[in-house]
C-alpha atoms as a PDB file:
ATOM      1  CA  ILE A   1      87.697 110.573 118.147  1.00  0.00           C
ATOM      2  CA  VAL A   2      89.270 113.680 119.760  1.00  0.00           C
ATOM      3  CA  LEU A   3      90.131 113.584 123.551  1.00  0.00           C
ATOM      4  CA  VAL A   4      91.053 116.113 125.390  1.00  0.00           C
ATOM      5  CA  ASP A   5      93.405 116.241 128.505  1.00  0.00           C
ATOM      6  CA  THR A   6      92.334 118.977 131.250  1.00  0.00           C
ATOM      7  CA  PRO A   7      93.824 119.162 134.097  1.00  0.00           C
ATOM      8  CA  GLY A   8      91.824 117.804 137.324  1.00  0.00           C
ATOM      9  CA  LEU A   9      88.516 120.329 138.421  1.00  0.00           C
ATOM     10  CA  HIS A  10      89.053 121.190 142.033  1.00  0.00           C
ATOM     11  CA  ARG A  11      88.424 124.222 144.665  1.00  0.00           C
ATOM     12  CA  PRO A  12      91.632 126.693 144.097  1.00  0.00           C
ATOM     13  CA  ARG A  13      93.679 128.028 146.436  1.00  0.00           C
ATOM     14  CA  THR A  14      96.115 129.603 144.578  1.00  0.00           C
ATOM     15  CA  LEU A  15      96.003 131.468 141.029  1.00  0.00           C
ATOM     16  CA  LEU A  16      97.741 128.589 139.548  1.00  0.00           C
ATOM     17  CA  GLY A  17      94.363 126.675 140.569  1.00  0.00           C
ATOM     18  CA  LYS A  18      92.086 129.490 139.559  1.00  0.00           C
ATOM     19  CA  ARG A  19      93.907 129.510 136.258  1.00  0.00           C
ATOM     20  CA  LEU A  20      93.664 125.514 135.653  1.00  0.00           C
ATOM     21  CA  ASN A  21      90.041 125.577 136.241  1.00  0.00           C
ATOM     22  CA  ASP A  22      89.612 128.270 134.046  1.00  0.00           C
ATOM     23  CA  LEU A  23      90.634 126.231 131.195  1.00  0.00           C
ATOM     24  CA  VAL A  24      88.503 123.089 132.408  1.00  0.00           C
ATOM     25  CA  ARG A  25      85.381 125.246 132.154  1.00  0.00           C
ATOM     26  CA  ASP A  26      86.239 126.825 128.655  1.00  0.00           C
ATOM     27  CA  THR A  27      87.406 123.368 127.909  1.00  0.00           C
ATOM     28  CA  TYR A  28      83.639 121.981 128.515  1.00  0.00           C
ATOM     29  CA  SER A  29      82.098 124.584 127.015  1.00  0.00           C
ATOM     30  CA  GLU A  30      83.663 123.650 123.758  1.00  0.00           C
ATOM     31  CA  VAL A  31      83.271 119.588 123.833  1.00  0.00           C
ATOM     32  CA  ASP A  32      80.015 117.220 123.690  1.00  0.00           C
ATOM     33  CA  ALA A  33      80.753 114.408 125.870  1.00  0.00           C
ATOM     34  CA  ILE A  34      82.593 114.953 129.370  1.00  0.00           C
ATOM     35  CA  GLY A  35      84.535 111.613 130.627  1.00  0.00           C
ATOM     36  CA  LEU A  36      84.737 111.935 134.261  1.00  0.00           C
ATOM     37  CA  CYS A  37      87.269 109.564 136.080  1.00  0.00           C
ATOM     38  CA  ILE A  38      86.489 108.297 139.157  1.00  0.00           C
ATOM     39  CA  PRO A  39      89.499 105.394 140.903  1.00  0.00           C
ATOM     40  CA  ALA A  40      87.542 101.684 141.736  1.00  0.00           C
ATOM     41  CA  ASP A  41      89.317 101.892 144.995  1.00  0.00           C
ATOM     42  CA  GLU A  42      88.783 105.011 146.475  1.00  0.00           C
ATOM     43  CA  THR A  43      85.977 106.211 148.019  1.00  0.00           C
ATOM     44  CA  ILE A  44      83.431 109.127 146.905  1.00  0.00           C
ATOM     45  CA  GLY A  45      83.084 112.032 148.644  1.00  0.00           C
ATOM     46  CA  PRO A  46      81.989 115.780 149.179  1.00  0.00           C
ATOM     47  CA  GLY A  47      84.640 116.957 146.623  1.00  0.00           C
ATOM     48  CA  ASP A  48      83.157 114.306 143.950  1.00  0.00           C
ATOM     49  CA  ARG A  49      79.925 115.609 144.466  1.00  0.00           C
ATOM     50  CA  TRP A  50      81.383 119.363 143.795  1.00  0.00           C
ATOM     51  CA  ILE A  51      83.002 118.253 140.661  1.00  0.00           C
ATOM     52  CA  VAL A  52      79.693 116.700 139.423  1.00  0.00           C
ATOM     53  CA  GLU A  53      78.093 119.688 140.258  1.00  0.00           C
ATOM     54  CA  GLN A  54      80.396 122.052 138.027  1.00  0.00           C
ATOM     55  CA  ILE A  55      80.196 119.913 134.781  1.00  0.00           C
ATOM     56  CA  ARG A  56      76.528 120.178 135.252  1.00  0.00           C
ATOM     57  CA  SER A  57      75.827 123.669 135.339  1.00  0.00           C
ATOM     58  CA  THR A  58      79.468 124.480 133.062  1.00  0.00           C
ATOM     59  CA  ALA A  59      78.182 122.194 129.865  1.00  0.00           C
ATOM     60  CA  PRO A  60      74.704 121.008 130.404  1.00  0.00           C
ATOM     61  CA  THR A  61      74.197 119.840 127.176  1.00  0.00           C
ATOM     62  CA  ALA A  62      77.279 118.096 126.984  1.00  0.00           C
ATOM     63  CA  THR A  63      76.994 113.963 127.639  1.00  0.00           C
ATOM     64  CA  LEU A  64      78.501 113.044 131.018  1.00  0.00           C
ATOM     65  CA  VAL A  65      79.742 109.374 131.053  1.00  0.00           C
ATOM     66  CA  ALA A  66      81.726 107.790 134.246  1.00  0.00           C
ATOM     67  CA  VAL A  67      84.924 106.310 133.912  1.00  0.00           C
ATOM     68  CA  VAL A  68      85.310 104.117 136.497  1.00  0.00           C
ATOM     69  CA  THR A  69      89.111 103.675 136.451  1.00  0.00           C
ATOM     70  CA  LYS A  70      91.317 100.549 137.964  1.00  0.00           C
ATOM     71  CA  ILE A  71      89.331  97.657 138.255  1.00  0.00           C
ATOM     72  CA  ASP A  72      92.092  95.717 138.731  1.00  0.00           C
ATOM     73  CA  LYS A  73      92.762  96.957 141.990  1.00  0.00           C
ATOM     74  CA  ALA A  74      89.394  96.921 143.385  1.00  0.00           C
ATOM     75  CA  PRO A  75      87.916  92.919 144.753  1.00  0.00           C
ATOM     76  CA  LYS A  76      84.643  92.757 143.023  1.00  0.00           C
ATOM     77  CA  ASP A  77      82.143  93.350 146.114  1.00  0.00           C
ATOM     78  CA  LYS A  78      84.028  96.541 146.512  1.00  0.00           C
ATOM     79  CA  LEU A  79      83.665  97.866 142.661  1.00  0.00           C
ATOM     80  CA  ALA A  80      80.163  96.356 142.514  1.00  0.00           C
ATOM     81  CA  ALA A  81      79.521  98.863 145.429  1.00  0.00           C
ATOM     82  CA  GLN A  82      80.866 101.706 143.640  1.00  0.00           C
ATOM     83  CA  LEU A  83      79.273 101.329 140.434  1.00  0.00           C
ATOM     84  CA  VAL A  84      76.636 101.982 142.442  1.00  0.00           C
ATOM     85  CA  ALA A  85      77.672 104.644 144.021  1.00  0.00           C
ATOM     86  CA  VAL A  86      79.218 106.254 140.935  1.00  0.00           C
ATOM     87  CA  SER A  87      75.908 105.542 139.248  1.00  0.00           C
ATOM     88  CA  GLU A  88      73.913 107.257 142.039  1.00  0.00           C
ATOM     89  CA  LEU A  89      76.434 110.338 141.597  1.00  0.00           C
ATOM     90  CA  VAL A  90      76.320 110.999 138.550  1.00  0.00           C
ATOM     91  CA  GLY A  91      72.510 110.433 138.063  1.00  0.00           C
ATOM     92  CA  ALA A  92      70.326 108.050 135.308  1.00  0.00           C
ATOM     93  CA  SER A  93      71.132 110.303 132.728  1.00  0.00           C
ATOM     94  CA  ALA A  94      74.997 109.143 132.679  1.00  0.00           C
ATOM     95  CA  GLU A  95      76.301 106.346 132.014  1.00  0.00           C
ATOM     96  CA  VAL A  96      79.085 104.224 133.761  1.00  0.00           C
ATOM     97  CA  VAL A  97      82.084 102.912 132.046  1.00  0.00           C
ATOM     98  CA  PRO A  98      83.572 100.276 134.065  1.00  0.00           C
ATOM     99  CA  VAL A  99      87.729 100.229 133.028  1.00  0.00           C
ATOM    100  CA  SER A 100      91.398  98.864 132.850  1.00  0.00           C
ATOM    101  CA  ALA A 101      93.664 100.363 131.606  1.00  0.00           C
ATOM    102  CA  VAL A 102      96.638  97.930 132.515  1.00  0.00           C
ATOM    103  CA  THR A 103      94.702  95.097 131.779  1.00  0.00           C
ATOM    104  CA  GLY A 104      92.802  96.784 128.788  1.00  0.00           C
ATOM    105  CA  GLU A 105      89.234  95.408 130.282  1.00  0.00           C
ATOM    106  CA  GLN A 106      85.990  97.079 129.041  1.00  0.00           C
ATOM    107  CA  ILE A 107      88.148 100.117 126.845  1.00  0.00           C
ATOM    108  CA  ASP A 108      86.824  98.957 123.870  1.00  0.00           C
ATOM    109  CA  VAL A 109      83.546  99.449 125.237  1.00  0.00           C
ATOM    110  CA  LEU A 110      83.911 103.075 126.612  1.00  0.00           C
ATOM    111  CA  VAL A 111      85.019 103.900 122.369  1.00  0.00           C
ATOM    112  CA  GLU A 112      81.657 102.925 122.217  1.00  0.00           C
ATOM    113  CA  VAL A 113      80.205 104.666 124.504  1.00  0.00           C
ATOM    114  CA  LEU A 114      82.280 107.844 123.445  1.00  0.00           C
ATOM    115  CA  ALA A 115      81.238 107.623 119.889  1.00  0.00           C
ATOM    116  CA  ALA A 116      77.913 107.235 120.062  1.00  0.00           C
ATOM    117  CA  ALA A 117      77.308 110.306 122.184  1.00  0.00           C
ATOM    118  CA  LEU A 118      79.543 112.383 119.529  1.00  0.00           C
ATOM    119  CA  PRO A 119      77.606 113.888 116.026  1.00  0.00           C
ATOM    120  CA  PRO A 120      79.496 113.054 113.048  1.00  0.00           C
ATOM    121  CA  GLY A 121      82.319 115.585 112.085  1.00  0.00           C
ATOM    122  CA  PRO A 122      84.790 116.553 109.745  1.00  0.00           C
ATOM    123  CA  ALA A 123      88.410 115.154 110.134  1.00  0.00           C
ATOM    124  CA  TYR A 124      89.790 117.804 112.247  1.00  0.00           C
ATOM    125  CA  TYR A 125      93.377 116.051 112.040  1.00  0.00           C
ATOM    126  CA  PRO A 126      95.309 113.744 109.447  1.00  0.00           C
ATOM    127  CA  ASP A 127      95.489 109.604 109.905  1.00  0.00           C
ATOM    128  CA  GLY A 128      97.658 109.066 111.967  1.00  0.00           C
ATOM    129  CA  GLU A 129      98.278 111.820 114.361  1.00  0.00           C
ATOM    130  CA  LEU A 130      98.335 110.963 117.680  1.00  0.00           C
ATOM    131  CA  THR A 131      98.302 114.618 119.231  1.00  0.00           C
ATOM    132  CA  ASP A 132      98.419 118.169 118.589  1.00  0.00           C
ATOM    133  CA  GLU A 133     101.134 118.496 121.442  1.00  0.00           C
ATOM    134  CA  PRO A 134     104.204 120.184 120.662  1.00  0.00           C
ATOM    135  CA  GLU A 135     107.438 117.811 121.103  1.00  0.00           C
ATOM    136  CA  GLU A 136     109.138 120.184 123.922  1.00  0.00           C
ATOM    137  CA  LEU A 137     105.445 120.247 126.008  1.00  0.00           C
ATOM    138  CA  LEU A 138     105.338 116.117 125.348  1.00  0.00           C
ATOM    139  CA  MET A 139     109.181 116.411 126.765  1.00  0.00           C
ATOM    140  CA  ALA A 140     108.260 118.700 129.853  1.00  0.00           C
ATOM    141  CA  GLU A 141     105.237 116.634 130.971  1.00  0.00           C
ATOM    142  CA  PHE A 142     107.246 113.325 131.108  1.00  0.00           C
ATOM    143  CA  ILE A 143     109.675 114.525 133.466  1.00  0.00           C
ATOM    144  CA  ARG A 144     107.311 116.289 135.617  1.00  0.00           C
ATOM    145  CA  GLU A 145     105.183 112.662 135.624  1.00  0.00           C
ATOM    146  CA  ALA A 146     108.956 110.781 136.637  1.00  0.00           C
ATOM    147  CA  ALA A 147     109.553 113.446 139.401  1.00  0.00           C
ATOM    148  CA  LEU A 148     105.722 112.890 140.779  1.00  0.00           C
ATOM    149  CA  GLU A 149     106.271 109.524 140.936  1.00  0.00           C
ATOM    150  CA  GLY A 150     105.535 108.235 144.449  1.00  0.00           C
ATOM    151  CA  VAL A 151     106.046 112.248 145.914  1.00  0.00           C
ATOM    152  CA  ARG A 152     102.736 113.352 144.308  1.00  0.00           C
ATOM    153  CA  ASP A 153     101.139 114.518 147.717  1.00  0.00           C
ATOM    154  CA  GLU A 154     104.199 116.010 148.510  1.00  0.00           C
ATOM    155  CA  LEU A 155     104.510 118.502 145.385  1.00  0.00           C
ATOM    156  CA  PRO A 156     101.266 118.555 143.983  1.00  0.00           C
ATOM    157  CA  HIS A 157     101.437 121.638 141.810  1.00  0.00           C
ATOM    158  CA  SER A 158     104.532 122.811 143.446  1.00  0.00           C
ATOM    159  CA  LEU A 159     106.099 121.158 140.531  1.00  0.00           C
ATOM    160  CA  ALA A 160     106.655 122.350 136.683  1.00  0.00           C
ATOM    161  CA  VAL A 161     109.210 121.631 134.070  1.00  0.00           C
ATOM    162  CA  VAL A 162     111.085 124.439 131.331  1.00  0.00           C
ATOM    163  CA  ILE A 163     112.586 122.244 128.593  1.00  0.00           C
ATOM    164  CA  ASP A 164     115.668 125.160 128.967  1.00  0.00           C
ATOM    165  CA  GLU A 165     116.746 123.923 124.881  1.00  0.00           C
ATOM    166  CA  VAL A 166     117.114 120.571 122.707  1.00  0.00           C
ATOM    167  CA  ASN A 167     119.702 120.681 120.177  1.00  0.00           C
ATOM    168  CA  PRO A 168     121.271 117.934 117.669  1.00  0.00           C
ATOM    169  CA  ARG A 169     124.384 116.825 119.097  1.00  0.00           C
ATOM    170  CA  GLU A 170     127.557 118.439 117.152  1.00  0.00           C
ATOM    171  CA  GLY A 171     128.968 115.862 115.344  1.00  0.00           C
ATOM    172  CA  ARG A 172     126.397 112.819 115.997  1.00  0.00           C
ATOM    173  CA  ASP A 173     123.353 112.034 114.111  1.00  0.00           C
ATOM    174  CA  ASP A 174     122.390 110.007 116.523  1.00  0.00           C
ATOM    175  CA  LEU A 175     122.061 112.408 119.842  1.00  0.00           C
ATOM    176  CA  ILE A 176     119.769 115.358 121.141  1.00  0.00           C
ATOM    177  CA  ASP A 177     120.953 117.070 124.035  1.00  0.00           C
ATOM    178  CA  VAL A 178     117.612 118.569 126.427  1.00  0.00           C
ATOM    179  CA  TYR A 179     118.382 120.614 128.656  1.00  0.00           C
ATOM    180  CA  ALA A 180     115.572 121.124 131.105  1.00  0.00           C
ATOM    181  CA  VAL A 181     114.887 122.819 134.562  1.00  0.00           C
ATOM    182  CA  LEU A 182     112.099 121.156 137.573  1.00  0.00           C
ATOM    183  CA  PHE A 183     110.872 124.633 139.694  1.00  0.00           C
ATOM    184  CA  VAL A 184     109.786 123.915 142.834  1.00  0.00           C
ATOM    185  CA  GLU A 185     108.451 126.275 145.382  1.00  0.00           C
ATOM    186  CA  ARG A 186     110.914 126.089 148.796  1.00  0.00           C
ATOM    187  CA  ASP A 187     113.786 124.368 149.152  1.00  0.00           C
ATOM    188  CA  SER A 188     112.402 121.287 151.276  1.00  0.00           C
ATOM    189  CA  GLN A 189     110.925 120.611 147.822  1.00  0.00           C
ATOM    190  CA  LYS A 190     114.193 120.418 145.952  1.00  0.00           C
ATOM    191  CA  GLY A 191     115.232 117.822 148.203  1.00  0.00           C
ATOM    192  CA  ILE A 192     112.857 115.846 147.941  1.00  0.00           C
ATOM    193  CA  VAL A 193     112.975 116.315 144.043  1.00  0.00           C
ATOM    194  CA  ILE A 194     116.274 115.673 144.185  1.00  0.00           C
ATOM    195  CA  GLY A 195     117.041 112.697 146.992  1.00  0.00           C
ATOM    196  CA  LYS A 196     120.188 111.830 148.912  1.00  0.00           C
ATOM    197  CA  GLY A 197     123.095 112.373 146.531  1.00  0.00           C
ATOM    198  CA  GLY A 198     121.170 113.043 143.505  1.00  0.00           C
ATOM    199  CA  ALA A 199     119.990 109.499 143.154  1.00  0.00           C
ATOM    200  CA  ARG A 200     116.049 110.163 143.059  1.00  0.00           C
ATOM    201  CA  LEU A 201     117.171 112.846 140.380  1.00  0.00           C
ATOM    202  CA  ARG A 202     118.941 110.489 138.675  1.00  0.00           C
ATOM    203  CA  GLU A 203     115.947 108.126 139.277  1.00  0.00           C
ATOM    204  CA  VAL A 204     113.799 111.013 137.365  1.00  0.00           C
ATOM    205  CA  GLY A 205     116.585 111.441 134.410  1.00  0.00           C
ATOM    206  CA  THR A 206     116.373 107.677 133.592  1.00  0.00           C
ATOM    207  CA  ALA A 207     112.410 107.354 133.564  1.00  0.00           C
ATOM    208  CA  ALA A 208     111.954 110.816 131.489  1.00  0.00           C
ATOM    209  CA  ARG A 209     114.911 110.106 129.065  1.00  0.00           C
ATOM    210  CA  SER A 210     113.327 106.552 127.983  1.00  0.00           C
ATOM    211  CA  GLN A 211     110.204 108.352 127.521  1.00  0.00           C
ATOM    212  CA  ILE A 212     111.546 111.249 125.580  1.00  0.00           C
ATOM    213  CA  GLU A 213     113.300 108.717 123.060  1.00  0.00           C
ATOM    214  CA  LYS A 214     110.402 106.945 122.002  1.00  0.00           C
ATOM    215  CA  LEU A 215     109.106 110.220 121.132  1.00  0.00           C
ATOM    216  CA  LEU A 216     112.034 111.697 119.405  1.00  0.00           C
ATOM    217  CA  GLY A 217     112.977 108.191 117.867  1.00  0.00           C
ATOM    218  CA  THR A 218     116.582 108.962 118.644  1.00  0.00           C
ATOM    219  CA  LYS A 219     119.158 108.426 121.488  1.00  0.00           C
ATOM    220  CA  VAL A 220     119.019 111.936 124.593  1.00  0.00           C
ATOM    221  CA  TYR A 221     121.262 112.992 126.874  1.00  0.00           C
ATOM    222  CA  LEU A 222     118.783 114.870 129.502  1.00  0.00           C
ATOM    223  CA  ASP A 223     120.144 117.433 131.648  1.00  0.00           C
ATOM    224  CA  LEU A 224     118.239 118.205 134.717  1.00  0.00           C
ATOM    225  CA  ARG A 225     118.426 120.998 137.368  1.00  0.00           C
ATOM    226  CA  VAL A 226     116.232 121.859 139.812  1.00  0.00           C
ATOM    227  CA  LYS A 227     115.138 126.200 141.268  1.00  0.00           C
ATOM    228  CA  VAL A 228     113.278 126.836 143.223  1.00  0.00           C
ATOM    229  CA  ALA A 229     110.749 129.939 142.150  1.00  0.00           C
ATOM    230  CA  LYS A 230     109.627 130.662 145.507  1.00  0.00           C
ATOM    231  CA  ASN A 231     105.111 131.003 145.584  1.00  0.00           C
ATOM    232  CA  TRP A 232     105.391 130.563 142.009  1.00  0.00           C
ATOM    233  CA  GLN A 233     102.098 129.658 141.953  1.00  0.00           C
ATOM    234  CA  ARG A 234     100.554 133.056 143.571  1.00  0.00           C
ATOM    235  CA  ASP A 235     103.158 135.326 141.068  1.00  0.00           C
ATOM    236  CA  PRO A 236     100.989 136.194 137.924  1.00  0.00           C
ATOM    237  CA  LYS A 237     104.858 136.776 136.225  1.00  0.00           C
ATOM    238  CA  GLN A 238     106.130 134.025 137.484  1.00  0.00           C
ATOM    239  CA  LEU A 239     103.083 132.026 136.279  1.00  0.00           C
ATOM    240  CA  GLY A 240     103.874 133.732 132.875  1.00  0.00           C
ATOM    241  CA  ARG A 241     107.419 132.696 132.698  1.00  0.00           C
ATOM    242  CA  LEU A 242     106.354 129.012 133.607  1.00  0.00           C
ATOM    243  CA  GLY A 243     104.013 128.760 130.987  1.00  0.00           C
ATOM    244  CA  PHE A 244     100.468 129.051 133.008  1.00  0.00           C
END
């Protein structure tokens, strides 16, 4: 099974949002099945209904599977009510699969449901290959996720990460130097990322470095800098420079 992870479809307010939506819609038109993730502990609203409408209109032939996530966080009565609400949201033609990534519950069922929706085809990738994403993109995503931990509401799409350099340390076979820049839109956001006395940025570096070391299979020196790129989400030139 080839899984394609996309940004969340949303009503765009910036040029970045529009470009992300275009990417999502292009992806929808190329896949056989779409997994719509809906948390078990969050109320369904107008935005969810809008997303389902967009999926139906953009990919009318794709199989829609509603994946109710985080079932370990919801009491049984609330989970039951959420499953009913999700079923009403997606309609009788879509399967609803409750899962927990934390406990692993129902993950095997989700795999079976997705596999059943896919036509037989050739092996597009070699056995054992987990991703076709370049290492630098994965490293940037590790850093971004670590930086957003706990402040996602304050910095939803305002944070971008660019890997400047990845070099083996001279004279050290067991160490790689990684230099990265975190871009925000305002000085106030820069303070959020760095934290008092740089404490939060150090936490970000520790968390991200652990993930990068697992990816590269070696020790890593991670150098992080934070810069302001004013209103980069609305600037075509800056979007291109940041990889969007």
